[in-house]
Amino acid sequence: MVEWWNGVELWVAGLAFPLQFALVIVVLGPLCLVVAWAIDRVVDHASAWFGPDPGDEAPLGAEDTTDEAAGDDTGERTEDLVDSASR
């Protein structure tokens, strides 16, 4: 195995730079995509496992899904914006 790998290294080192670059992109591109996908899946599962319970409070900045938020309060918000701009 070591002799074969040394032969591959010598063959790649003997190629012109554009061919070396193309070979690296063809081999490492898909490899990096697979590794990134695997990391994404592991982090997704870990965040689901260690994430907040469904009964916890919503994080800051999250949209409110309660019945009170379902009403149309755009007029009230517009008035607040106008008042703050006129000061």
C-alpha atoms as a PDB file:
ATOM      1  CA  MET A   1       0.000   0.000   0.000  1.00  0.00           C
ATOM      2  CA  VAL A   2       2.830   2.397   0.867  1.00  0.00           C
ATOM      3  CA  GLU A   3       4.557   1.799  -2.464  1.00  0.00           C
ATOM      4  CA  TRP A   4       1.325   2.466  -4.337  1.00  0.00           C
ATOM      5  CA  TRP A   5       0.720   5.701  -2.416  1.00  0.00           C
ATOM      6  CA  ASN A   6       4.285   6.884  -3.107  1.00  0.00           C
ATOM      7  CA  GLY A   7       3.658   6.247  -6.800  1.00  0.00           C
ATOM      8  CA  VAL A   8       0.456   8.294  -6.696  1.00  0.00           C
ATOM      9  CA  GLU A   9       2.260  11.158  -4.931  1.00  0.00           C
ATOM     10  CA  LEU A  10       5.022  11.168  -7.516  1.00  0.00           C
ATOM     11  CA  TRP A  11       2.499  11.078 -10.354  1.00  0.00           C
ATOM     12  CA  VAL A  12       0.530  14.039  -8.921  1.00  0.00           C
ATOM     13  CA  ALA A  13       3.731  15.993  -8.215  1.00  0.00           C
ATOM     14  CA  GLY A  14       4.810  15.471 -11.817  1.00  0.00           C
ATOM     15  CA  LEU A  15       1.616  16.916 -13.275  1.00  0.00           C
ATOM     16  CA  ALA A  16       1.352  20.528 -14.409  1.00  0.00           C
ATOM     17  CA  PHE A  17      -0.209  22.891 -11.880  1.00  0.00           C
ATOM     18  CA  PRO A  18      -3.573  23.296 -13.681  1.00  0.00           C
ATOM     19  CA  LEU A  19      -3.974  19.516 -13.756  1.00  0.00           C
ATOM     20  CA  GLN A  20      -3.011  19.248 -10.080  1.00  0.00           C
ATOM     21  CA  PHE A  21      -5.567  21.937  -9.245  1.00  0.00           C
ATOM     22  CA  ALA A  22      -8.298  20.217 -11.273  1.00  0.00           C
ATOM     23  CA  LEU A  23      -7.534  16.868  -9.637  1.00  0.00           C
ATOM     24  CA  VAL A  24      -7.685  18.375  -6.147  1.00  0.00           C
ATOM     25  CA  ILE A  25     -11.013  20.091  -6.922  1.00  0.00           C
ATOM     26  CA  VAL A  26     -12.505  16.902  -8.350  1.00  0.00           C
ATOM     27  CA  VAL A  27     -11.410  14.813  -5.352  1.00  0.00           C
ATOM     28  CA  LEU A  28     -11.624  17.273  -2.453  1.00  0.00           C
ATOM     29  CA  GLY A  29     -14.784  19.093  -3.590  1.00  0.00           C
ATOM     30  CA  PRO A  30     -17.151  16.145  -3.129  1.00  0.00           C
ATOM     31  CA  LEU A  31     -15.230  14.984  -0.053  1.00  0.00           C
ATOM     32  CA  CYS A  32     -15.655  18.393   1.604  1.00  0.00           C
ATOM     33  CA  LEU A  33     -19.360  18.426   0.695  1.00  0.00           C
ATOM     34  CA  VAL A  34     -19.862  15.029   2.338  1.00  0.00           C
ATOM     35  CA  VAL A  35     -17.963  16.100   5.468  1.00  0.00           C
ATOM     36  CA  ALA A  36     -19.955  19.372   5.674  1.00  0.00           C
ATOM     37  CA  TRP A  37     -23.233  17.444   5.277  1.00  0.00           C
ATOM     38  CA  ALA A  38     -22.191  15.016   8.039  1.00  0.00           C
ATOM     39  CA  ILE A  39     -21.258  17.863  10.386  1.00  0.00           C
ATOM     40  CA  ASP A  40     -24.593  19.555   9.644  1.00  0.00           C
ATOM     41  CA  ARG A  41     -26.527  16.372  10.459  1.00  0.00           C
ATOM     42  CA  VAL A  42     -24.586  15.808  13.706  1.00  0.00           C
ATOM     43  CA  VAL A  43     -25.140  19.406  14.842  1.00  0.00           C
ATOM     44  CA  ASP A  44     -28.818  19.216  13.878  1.00  0.00           C
ATOM     45  CA  HIS A  45     -29.339  16.059  15.925  1.00  0.00           C
ATOM     46  CA  ALA A  46     -27.330  17.428  18.855  1.00  0.00           C
ATOM     47  CA  SER A  47     -29.318  20.672  18.893  1.00  0.00           C
ATOM     48  CA  ALA A  48     -32.573  18.709  18.800  1.00  0.00           C
ATOM     49  CA  TRP A  49     -31.367  16.464  21.627  1.00  0.00           C
ATOM     50  CA  PHE A  50     -29.985  19.250  23.853  1.00  0.00           C
ATOM     51  CA  GLY A  51     -32.396  21.978  22.675  1.00  0.00           C
ATOM     52  CA  PRO A  52     -35.119  23.605  24.712  1.00  0.00           C
ATOM     53  CA  ASP A  53     -38.236  21.748  25.787  1.00  0.00           C
ATOM     54  CA  PRO A  54     -41.452  22.620  23.927  1.00  0.00           C
ATOM     55  CA  GLY A  55     -42.808  24.213  27.114  1.00  0.00           C
ATOM     56  CA  ASP A  56     -39.926  26.676  27.463  1.00  0.00           C
ATOM     57  CA  GLU A  57     -40.300  30.341  26.643  1.00  0.00           C
ATOM     58  CA  ALA A  58     -39.666  31.451  23.071  1.00  0.00           C
ATOM     59  CA  PRO A  59     -36.241  32.992  22.442  1.00  0.00           C
ATOM     60  CA  LEU A  60     -35.926  36.751  22.167  1.00  0.00           C
ATOM     61  CA  GLY A  61     -36.953  38.021  18.756  1.00  0.00           C
ATOM     62  CA  ALA A  62     -39.161  35.039  18.002  1.00  0.00           C
ATOM     63  CA  GLU A  63     -42.601  35.724  16.603  1.00  0.00           C
ATOM     64  CA  ASP A  64     -45.452  35.483  19.095  1.00  0.00           C
ATOM     65  CA  THR A  65     -47.924  32.738  18.143  1.00  0.00           C
ATOM     66  CA  THR A  66     -50.500  33.396  20.846  1.00  0.00           C
ATOM     67  CA  ASP A  67     -54.097  34.386  20.093  1.00  0.00           C
ATOM     68  CA  GLU A  68     -53.407  37.991  21.123  1.00  0.00           C
ATOM     69  CA  ALA A  69     -50.821  38.345  18.365  1.00  0.00           C
ATOM     70  CA  ALA A  70     -53.331  37.141  15.762  1.00  0.00           C
ATOM     71  CA  GLY A  71     -55.241  40.453  15.896  1.00  0.00           C
ATOM     72  CA  ASP A  72     -54.480  43.277  13.472  1.00  0.00           C
ATOM     73  CA  ASP A  73     -52.346  45.790  15.368  1.00  0.00           C
ATOM     74  CA  THR A  74     -50.700  47.492  12.388  1.00  0.00           C
ATOM     75  CA  GLY A  75     -52.432  50.788  13.139  1.00  0.00           C
ATOM     76  CA  GLU A  76     -51.131  50.804  16.702  1.00  0.00           C
ATOM     77  CA  ARG A  77     -47.615  50.039  15.519  1.00  0.00           C
ATOM     78  CA  THR A  78     -47.767  52.797  12.914  1.00  0.00           C
ATOM     79  CA  GLU A  79     -48.822  55.282  15.584  1.00  0.00           C
ATOM     80  CA  ASP A  80     -45.869  54.230  17.751  1.00  0.00           C
ATOM     81  CA  LEU A  81     -43.488  54.752  14.859  1.00  0.00           C
ATOM     82  CA  VAL A  82     -44.949  58.165  14.038  1.00  0.00           C
ATOM     83  CA  ASP A  83     -44.742  59.267  17.680  1.00  0.00           C
ATOM     84  CA  SER A  84     -41.130  58.229  17.981  1.00  0.00           C
ATOM     85  CA  ALA A  85     -40.184  59.980  14.736  1.00  0.00           C
ATOM     86  CA  SER A  86     -41.876  63.273  15.693  1.00  0.00           C
ATOM     87  CA  ARG A  87     -39.968  63.701  18.946  1.00  0.00           C
END
